Protein backbone atom coordinates (compact mmCIF):
# COMPACT_ATOMS: atom_id res chain seq x y z
CA UNK A 1 -177.48 126.08 66.12
CA UNK A 2 -173.83 126.96 66.62
CA UNK A 3 -172.75 126.91 70.28
CA UNK A 4 -169.49 128.64 71.06
CA UNK A 5 -166.93 128.10 73.80
CA UNK A 6 -164.03 130.50 74.24
CA UNK A 7 -160.70 128.97 75.23
CA UNK A 8 -157.50 130.57 76.50
CA UNK A 9 -154.36 128.79 77.61
CA UNK A 10 -153.28 129.51 81.17
CA UNK A 11 -150.58 127.51 82.92
CA UNK A 12 -150.47 129.06 86.40
CA UNK A 13 -152.52 131.09 88.87
CA UNK A 14 -150.57 134.34 88.82
CA UNK A 15 -152.90 137.30 88.64
CA UNK A 16 -151.81 138.90 85.38
CA UNK A 17 -151.92 135.67 83.41
CA UNK A 18 -155.28 134.59 84.83
CA UNK A 19 -156.84 138.00 84.18
CA UNK A 20 -155.57 138.02 80.59
CA UNK A 21 -156.78 134.46 79.97
CA UNK A 22 -160.21 135.06 81.50
CA UNK A 23 -160.66 138.21 79.43
CA UNK A 24 -159.55 136.43 76.25
CA UNK A 25 -161.82 133.42 76.80
CA UNK A 26 -164.84 135.63 77.52
CA UNK A 27 -164.23 137.75 74.42
CA UNK A 28 -163.76 134.64 72.27
CA UNK A 29 -167.12 133.35 73.51
CA UNK A 30 -168.87 136.57 72.43
CA UNK A 31 -168.57 138.53 75.66
CA UNK A 32 -170.75 138.99 78.73
CA UNK A 33 -174.42 139.85 78.31
CA UNK A 34 -175.27 143.48 79.20
CA UNK A 35 -174.49 143.95 82.90
CA UNK A 36 -174.61 147.71 83.50
CA UNK A 37 -176.77 148.53 86.51
CA UNK A 38 -177.80 144.89 87.04
CA UNK A 39 -177.43 142.77 90.16
CA UNK A 40 -174.94 140.09 89.15
CA UNK A 41 -174.40 136.94 91.18
CA UNK A 42 -170.95 135.45 90.65
CA UNK A 43 -171.54 131.85 91.65
CA UNK A 44 -168.30 129.90 92.24
CA UNK A 45 -167.87 126.23 93.10
CA UNK A 46 -167.19 126.22 96.84
CA UNK A 47 -167.80 122.57 97.60
CA UNK A 48 -166.07 122.68 100.97
CA UNK A 49 -163.82 124.70 103.24
CA UNK A 50 -160.72 123.35 101.50
CA UNK A 51 -157.76 125.44 100.36
CA UNK A 52 -157.20 126.30 96.70
CA UNK A 53 -154.23 123.93 96.40
CA UNK A 54 -156.54 120.89 96.61
CA UNK A 55 -158.39 121.77 93.36
CA UNK A 56 -161.73 121.23 95.10
CA UNK A 57 -163.09 124.75 94.63
CA UNK A 58 -162.79 127.49 92.02
CA UNK A 59 -159.43 129.17 92.44
CA UNK A 60 -159.70 132.65 94.01
CA UNK A 61 -157.62 134.24 91.24
CA UNK A 62 -160.18 133.14 88.66
CA UNK A 63 -162.98 134.52 90.84
CA UNK A 64 -161.05 137.77 91.19
CA UNK A 65 -160.61 138.08 87.42
CA UNK A 66 -164.27 137.41 86.62
CA UNK A 67 -165.41 139.73 89.41
CA UNK A 68 -163.16 142.53 88.17
CA UNK A 69 -164.54 142.23 84.65
CA UNK A 70 -168.13 142.24 85.94
CA UNK A 71 -167.45 145.45 87.83
CA UNK A 72 -165.79 147.01 84.78
CA UNK A 73 -168.91 146.14 82.77
CA UNK A 74 -171.03 148.08 85.28
CA UNK A 75 -172.51 145.12 87.13
CA UNK A 76 -173.48 145.30 90.80
CA UNK A 77 -171.46 142.37 92.03
CA UNK A 78 -172.32 139.80 94.67
CA UNK A 79 -170.38 136.58 95.29
CA UNK A 80 -172.24 133.69 96.92
CA UNK A 81 -172.59 129.92 97.01
CA UNK A 82 -174.11 127.24 99.20
CA UNK A 83 -171.41 124.65 99.92
CA UNK A 84 -172.07 120.92 99.91
CA UNK A 85 -169.91 118.30 101.63
CA UNK A 86 -172.20 118.00 104.64
CA UNK A 87 -171.71 121.63 105.67
CA UNK A 88 -174.70 123.14 107.45
CA UNK A 89 -175.90 126.28 105.70
CA UNK A 90 -175.38 128.74 108.56
CA UNK A 91 -173.83 132.23 108.57
CA UNK A 92 -170.87 131.05 110.63
CA UNK A 93 -170.12 128.16 108.29
CA UNK A 94 -170.50 130.32 105.19
CA UNK A 95 -168.02 132.86 106.56
CA UNK A 96 -165.56 130.05 107.33
CA UNK A 97 -165.84 128.63 103.81
CA UNK A 98 -165.35 132.06 102.24
CA UNK A 99 -162.26 132.63 104.34
CA UNK A 100 -160.63 129.23 103.75
CA UNK A 101 -161.36 129.25 100.01
CA UNK A 102 -159.80 132.69 99.60
CA UNK A 103 -163.08 134.37 98.67
CA UNK A 104 -163.03 136.75 101.64
CA UNK A 105 -159.71 138.20 100.45
CA UNK A 106 -160.95 138.46 96.87
CA UNK A 107 -164.10 140.30 97.93
CA UNK A 108 -162.04 142.71 100.01
CA UNK A 109 -159.79 143.50 97.05
CA UNK A 110 -162.77 144.02 94.77
CA UNK A 111 -164.56 146.19 97.32
CA UNK A 112 -167.49 143.76 97.59
CA UNK A 113 -169.28 142.92 100.84
CA UNK A 114 -169.90 139.21 101.17
CA UNK A 115 -173.38 138.28 102.31
CA UNK A 116 -173.82 135.63 104.99
CA UNK A 117 -177.56 135.55 104.36
CA UNK A 118 -178.65 131.90 104.51
CA UNK A 119 -182.28 132.49 103.60
CA UNK A 120 -183.97 130.74 100.70
CA UNK A 121 -187.15 130.81 98.65
CA UNK A 122 -189.42 128.32 96.93
CA UNK A 123 -189.29 128.68 93.16
CA UNK A 124 -191.95 126.93 91.05
CA UNK A 125 -190.92 125.41 87.72
CA UNK A 126 -194.00 124.02 85.96
CA UNK A 127 -191.97 123.20 82.84
CA UNK A 128 -189.68 120.83 84.74
CA UNK A 129 -189.52 117.24 83.53
CA UNK A 130 -188.50 115.76 86.88
CA UNK A 131 -188.89 118.68 89.32
CA UNK A 132 -191.72 121.20 89.43
CA UNK A 133 -190.21 123.37 92.16
CA UNK A 134 -186.88 124.01 93.85
CA UNK A 135 -185.67 125.66 97.04
CA UNK A 136 -183.14 128.34 96.03
CA UNK A 137 -180.83 130.57 98.08
CA UNK A 138 -181.84 134.23 98.31
CA UNK A 139 -178.78 135.55 96.49
CA UNK A 140 -179.68 133.58 93.36
CA UNK A 141 -183.37 134.51 93.55
CA UNK A 142 -182.59 138.22 93.85
CA UNK A 143 -179.97 138.41 91.07
CA UNK A 144 -180.79 139.86 87.66
CA UNK A 145 -177.94 137.89 86.09
CA UNK A 146 -176.14 134.74 87.23
CA UNK A 147 -172.58 134.19 86.08
CA UNK A 148 -171.28 130.76 87.03
CA UNK A 149 -167.56 130.28 87.70
CA UNK A 150 -167.07 126.53 87.88
CA UNK A 151 -164.20 124.11 88.35
CA UNK A 152 -163.07 121.30 86.04
CA UNK A 153 -163.48 118.01 87.92
CA UNK A 154 -164.33 114.40 87.35
CA UNK A 155 -167.18 113.11 89.50
CA UNK A 156 -167.68 109.63 90.87
CA UNK A 157 -171.49 109.78 90.55
CA UNK A 158 -172.17 111.82 87.38
CA UNK A 159 -168.67 111.18 85.89
CA UNK A 160 -168.12 114.90 85.26
CA UNK A 161 -168.57 118.11 87.24
CA UNK A 162 -168.52 121.43 85.45
CA UNK A 163 -170.97 124.15 84.48
CA UNK A 164 -174.23 122.19 84.72
CA UNK A 165 -173.29 120.64 88.06
CA UNK A 166 -172.13 123.98 89.50
CA UNK A 167 -175.67 125.34 89.39
CA UNK A 168 -176.59 122.77 92.08
CA UNK A 169 -174.88 125.13 94.53
CA UNK A 170 -177.93 127.43 94.50
CA UNK A 171 -179.78 124.71 96.45
CA UNK A 172 -179.22 125.41 100.16
CA UNK A 173 -176.94 123.26 102.29
CA UNK A 174 -178.22 119.90 103.39
CA UNK A 175 -181.18 120.06 100.99
CA UNK A 176 -178.75 118.60 98.44
CA UNK A 177 -178.64 115.02 99.82
CA UNK A 178 -182.44 114.90 99.58
CA UNK A 179 -182.07 115.00 95.80
CA UNK A 180 -179.70 112.05 95.90
CA UNK A 181 -182.30 110.11 97.87
CA UNK A 182 -185.06 111.05 95.45
CA UNK A 183 -182.93 110.44 92.34
CA UNK A 184 -180.48 107.61 93.13
CA UNK A 185 -179.97 106.86 89.44
CA UNK A 186 -177.33 109.22 87.95
CA UNK A 187 -179.37 109.63 84.77
CA UNK A 188 -182.40 110.86 86.72
CA UNK A 189 -180.22 113.01 88.98
CA UNK A 190 -178.67 114.61 85.88
CA UNK A 191 -182.12 115.22 84.43
CA UNK A 192 -182.99 117.05 87.65
CA UNK A 193 -179.87 119.20 87.15
CA UNK A 194 -181.10 120.12 83.67
CA UNK A 195 -184.42 121.23 85.18
CA UNK A 196 -182.51 123.36 87.70
CA UNK A 197 -180.39 124.99 84.99
CA UNK A 198 -183.45 125.72 82.87
CA UNK A 199 -185.08 127.36 85.89
CA UNK A 200 -182.08 129.46 86.91
CA UNK A 201 -180.67 130.04 83.40
CA UNK A 202 -177.08 131.12 84.15
CA UNK A 203 -176.38 133.83 81.59
CA UNK A 204 -172.68 133.06 81.26
CA UNK A 205 -170.16 130.57 82.60
CA UNK A 206 -166.39 130.62 83.07
CA UNK A 207 -164.48 127.46 83.94
CA UNK A 208 -161.30 127.25 85.97
CA UNK A 209 -159.53 124.50 84.02
CA UNK A 210 -156.02 125.72 84.81
CA UNK A 211 -155.79 122.92 87.34
CA UNK A 212 -158.64 120.46 87.59
CA UNK A 213 -159.34 117.37 89.61
CA UNK A 214 -158.97 113.86 88.20
CA UNK A 215 -159.99 110.48 89.56
CA UNK A 216 -162.71 110.08 92.16
CA UNK A 217 -163.81 113.69 92.37
CA UNK A 218 -165.42 116.02 93.20
CA UNK A 219 -163.38 116.08 96.43
CA UNK A 220 -161.60 112.74 96.73
CA UNK A 221 -159.55 112.95 93.53
CA UNK A 222 -156.17 114.51 92.78
CA UNK A 223 -155.19 117.90 91.34
CA UNK A 224 -154.23 117.74 87.66
CA UNK A 225 -153.05 120.54 85.40
CA UNK A 226 -155.19 121.05 82.29
CA UNK A 227 -153.97 124.53 81.37
CA UNK A 228 -157.07 126.45 80.20
CA UNK A 229 -159.71 129.00 81.02
CA UNK A 230 -162.98 128.23 79.22
CA UNK A 231 -166.03 130.48 78.79
CA UNK A 232 -169.44 130.29 77.15
CA UNK A 233 -172.97 131.65 77.23
CA UNK A 234 -174.13 128.01 77.29
CA UNK A 235 -173.49 125.78 80.31
CA UNK A 236 -174.08 122.78 78.06
CA UNK A 237 -171.59 123.80 75.38
CA UNK A 238 -168.90 124.62 77.92
CA UNK A 239 -169.23 121.20 79.50
CA UNK A 240 -168.85 119.49 76.11
CA UNK A 241 -165.65 121.44 75.46
CA UNK A 242 -164.29 120.60 78.91
CA UNK A 243 -165.15 116.93 78.45
CA UNK A 244 -163.25 116.91 75.19
CA UNK A 245 -160.31 118.62 76.92
CA UNK A 246 -159.92 115.72 79.35
CA UNK A 247 -160.60 113.05 76.71
CA UNK A 248 -164.05 112.13 77.94
CA UNK A 249 -166.69 111.23 75.38
CA UNK A 250 -169.50 113.81 75.87
CA UNK A 251 -172.06 111.28 74.66
CA UNK A 252 -171.21 109.13 77.72
CA UNK A 253 -171.78 111.89 80.31
CA UNK A 254 -175.16 111.86 82.03
CA UNK A 255 -175.71 115.62 82.17
CA UNK A 256 -174.72 116.08 78.53
CA UNK A 257 -176.95 113.18 77.43
CA UNK A 258 -179.84 114.72 79.38
CA UNK A 259 -179.34 118.09 77.65
CA UNK A 260 -179.23 116.39 74.24
CA UNK A 261 -182.42 114.44 74.96
CA UNK A 262 -184.22 117.72 75.78
CA UNK A 263 -183.12 119.34 72.50
CA UNK A 264 -180.97 121.85 74.37
CA UNK A 265 -177.71 120.71 72.81
CA UNK A 266 -176.29 119.18 69.67
CA UNK A 267 -172.80 117.97 70.53
CA UNK A 268 -171.62 118.27 66.93
CA UNK A 269 -172.53 121.98 66.86
CA UNK A 270 -170.27 122.92 69.79
CA UNK A 271 -167.31 124.91 68.48
CA UNK A 272 -164.27 126.44 70.14
CA UNK A 273 -162.85 129.90 69.50
CA UNK A 274 -159.59 131.35 70.75
CA UNK A 275 -156.76 128.98 71.60
CA UNK A 276 -156.88 125.46 70.23
CA UNK A 277 -157.87 122.75 72.68
CA UNK A 278 -155.16 120.12 73.11
CA UNK A 279 -156.78 117.15 74.90
CA UNK A 280 -155.14 115.69 77.98
CA UNK A 281 -154.87 112.05 76.94
CA UNK A 282 -154.17 110.42 80.29
CA UNK A 283 -156.58 112.34 82.55
CA UNK A 284 -157.64 109.86 85.23
CA UNK A 285 -161.32 108.97 85.12
CA UNK A 286 -163.47 108.14 88.16
CA UNK A 287 -163.62 104.47 89.05
CA UNK A 288 -167.30 104.36 88.03
CA UNK A 289 -166.60 105.52 84.47
CA UNK A 290 -166.01 103.28 81.49
CA UNK A 291 -164.85 104.63 78.15
CA UNK A 292 -166.73 103.85 74.92
CA UNK A 293 -165.97 100.38 73.64
CA UNK A 294 -166.67 98.39 70.52
CA UNK A 295 -170.26 97.22 70.33
CA UNK A 296 -169.48 93.54 70.50
CA UNK A 297 -172.31 91.04 70.83
CA UNK A 298 -171.11 90.14 74.32
CA UNK A 299 -171.17 93.77 75.43
CA UNK A 300 -174.53 94.62 73.89
CA UNK A 301 -176.46 91.48 74.77
CA UNK A 302 -174.98 90.29 78.04
CA UNK A 303 -172.90 92.77 80.01
CA UNK A 304 -175.16 95.80 79.67
CA UNK A 305 -178.12 93.76 80.91
CA UNK A 306 -176.19 92.87 84.03
CA UNK A 307 -175.01 96.46 84.37
CA UNK A 308 -178.63 97.59 84.39
CA UNK A 309 -178.94 95.88 87.75
CA UNK A 310 -177.00 98.87 89.07
CA UNK A 311 -176.09 97.70 92.55
CA UNK A 312 -174.41 94.61 91.15
CA UNK A 313 -172.01 96.73 89.12
CA UNK A 314 -171.65 99.98 91.05
CA UNK A 315 -168.79 100.22 93.57
CA UNK A 316 -169.75 100.64 97.21
CA UNK A 317 -168.14 102.90 99.83
CA UNK A 318 -165.69 101.23 102.19
CA UNK A 319 -164.04 102.96 105.14
CA UNK A 320 -160.26 103.20 105.40
CA UNK A 321 -160.04 102.75 109.15
CA UNK A 322 -156.58 104.25 109.57
CA UNK A 323 -157.71 107.48 107.93
CA UNK A 324 -161.18 107.78 109.51
CA UNK A 325 -161.32 110.30 112.37
CA UNK A 326 -165.01 109.70 113.20
CA UNK A 327 -165.97 113.28 112.30
CA UNK A 328 -169.51 112.11 111.54
CA UNK A 329 -170.07 114.18 108.39
CA UNK A 330 -170.73 111.06 106.32
CA UNK A 331 -173.44 110.09 108.82
CA UNK A 332 -174.96 113.54 108.59
CA UNK A 333 -175.01 113.73 104.80
CA UNK A 334 -176.19 110.20 103.94
CA UNK A 335 -179.75 110.59 102.57
CA UNK A 336 -180.77 107.01 103.41
CA UNK A 337 -179.01 106.56 106.78
CA UNK A 338 -176.73 103.81 105.45
CA UNK A 339 -173.73 104.82 107.55
CA UNK A 340 -173.23 104.98 111.30
CA UNK A 341 -170.30 105.49 113.64
CA UNK A 342 -169.27 102.25 115.30
CA UNK A 343 -166.23 101.96 117.54
CA UNK A 344 -165.20 105.48 116.49
CA UNK A 345 -165.15 104.56 112.79
CA UNK A 346 -167.65 104.91 109.95
CA UNK A 347 -169.53 101.71 109.16
CA UNK A 348 -171.64 101.15 106.02
CA UNK A 349 -174.80 99.13 105.47
CA UNK A 350 -174.48 98.26 101.78
CA UNK A 351 -178.00 96.88 101.76
CA UNK A 352 -179.34 100.40 102.37
CA UNK A 353 -176.68 102.25 100.32
CA UNK A 354 -178.02 103.78 97.07
CA UNK A 355 -174.52 104.48 95.66
CA UNK A 356 -175.00 108.26 95.53
CA UNK A 357 -171.45 108.69 96.90
CA UNK A 358 -172.34 111.73 99.01
CA UNK A 359 -170.17 110.26 101.78
CA UNK A 360 -167.16 109.99 99.49
CA UNK A 361 -167.81 113.47 98.11
CA UNK A 362 -167.70 115.14 101.50
CA UNK A 363 -164.87 113.22 103.20
CA UNK A 364 -161.96 115.63 103.62
CA UNK A 365 -159.77 112.93 105.14
CA UNK A 366 -159.86 110.61 102.11
CA UNK A 367 -161.09 107.90 104.46
CA UNK A 368 -163.63 106.38 102.07
CA UNK A 369 -162.70 104.34 99.03
CA UNK A 370 -164.85 102.65 96.40
CA UNK A 371 -164.84 98.86 96.06
CA UNK A 372 -166.77 96.55 93.75
CA UNK A 373 -167.84 93.07 94.75
CA UNK A 374 -166.56 90.10 92.75
CA UNK A 375 -169.40 90.18 90.20
CA UNK A 376 -169.07 93.92 89.70
CA UNK A 377 -165.31 93.65 89.23
CA UNK A 378 -165.84 90.98 86.57
CA UNK A 379 -168.29 93.17 84.66
CA UNK A 380 -166.05 96.22 84.96
CA UNK A 381 -163.11 94.30 83.49
CA UNK A 382 -165.08 93.79 80.27
CA UNK A 383 -166.74 97.23 80.20
CA UNK A 384 -163.53 99.21 80.48
């Protein structure tokens, strides 16, 4: 089955160019589903209360463009997300995130009232492979149509963060670390994300790939220009196109592999319409990622067996004491209580740590780095 992603080049966040690129990418992907008279949730990536210049969250100009087109199509627009990064899901915190991410200004311009409702509902999913029910924020439960507006980012745990990962934002607040505790293996965690996407079924997705994040994302990496707006009716197809854009091998990405294993995606059937995709060759990967390598005997028979040990290979969080301000968010978000504040600095118990990297994901002060032990560094040298 042919899966289509629309692509439009866009080099900067000025309003006219973004609006034109978003419209072009959506049209190239076959257009929105019917929206007239329907409650439409525009679900951005608002990981934290960080400004748009950090490339952590969906840029407000992209949200404005998608919102404007939803309204023009007759949709009843609502914009909402549940941030991660250790932020308590309270009305006050939600309002602060909306303001700092530029969403409050966008909503005002579009004539939309932002909801600070922090209620949620239990949603059963008997068809789930790993999860049979989820807790979902009210705005997503009450929407007729969900349109996801995600951000292009690498991710230290799942390697890649895009359309599939963005749906995780419908899980309220600090419920998110519970999933990391339950699914410490990135393959299982990604399978859970597929269950969530199959439950919520976003009808359409637009990706802000004008400027993405490279390196140890989704918050600790660096902004990097990629120069595109992408759009698709399939979260899985869009992610494949975005992975190709940054020279990742889709077959190596946990969420994409999980979708393939479920029969939801054939990577070879993903096509691009609109502007040609020119891959960014030197996009920095997360430190946990290794590119495909030749299947040498040594790699197949020896190294991968050691890698299966997981904790031996995976880097562990280490505090940068000069940067740590003892804010305590890493303590709050850790699902296994492997970090405490000691002498006004974060301190990690690597024996408890499950390498979910929630602490690294939420640290706004870039005070946590990843470090492998000697054995892990040796393995990584050969697996690169």
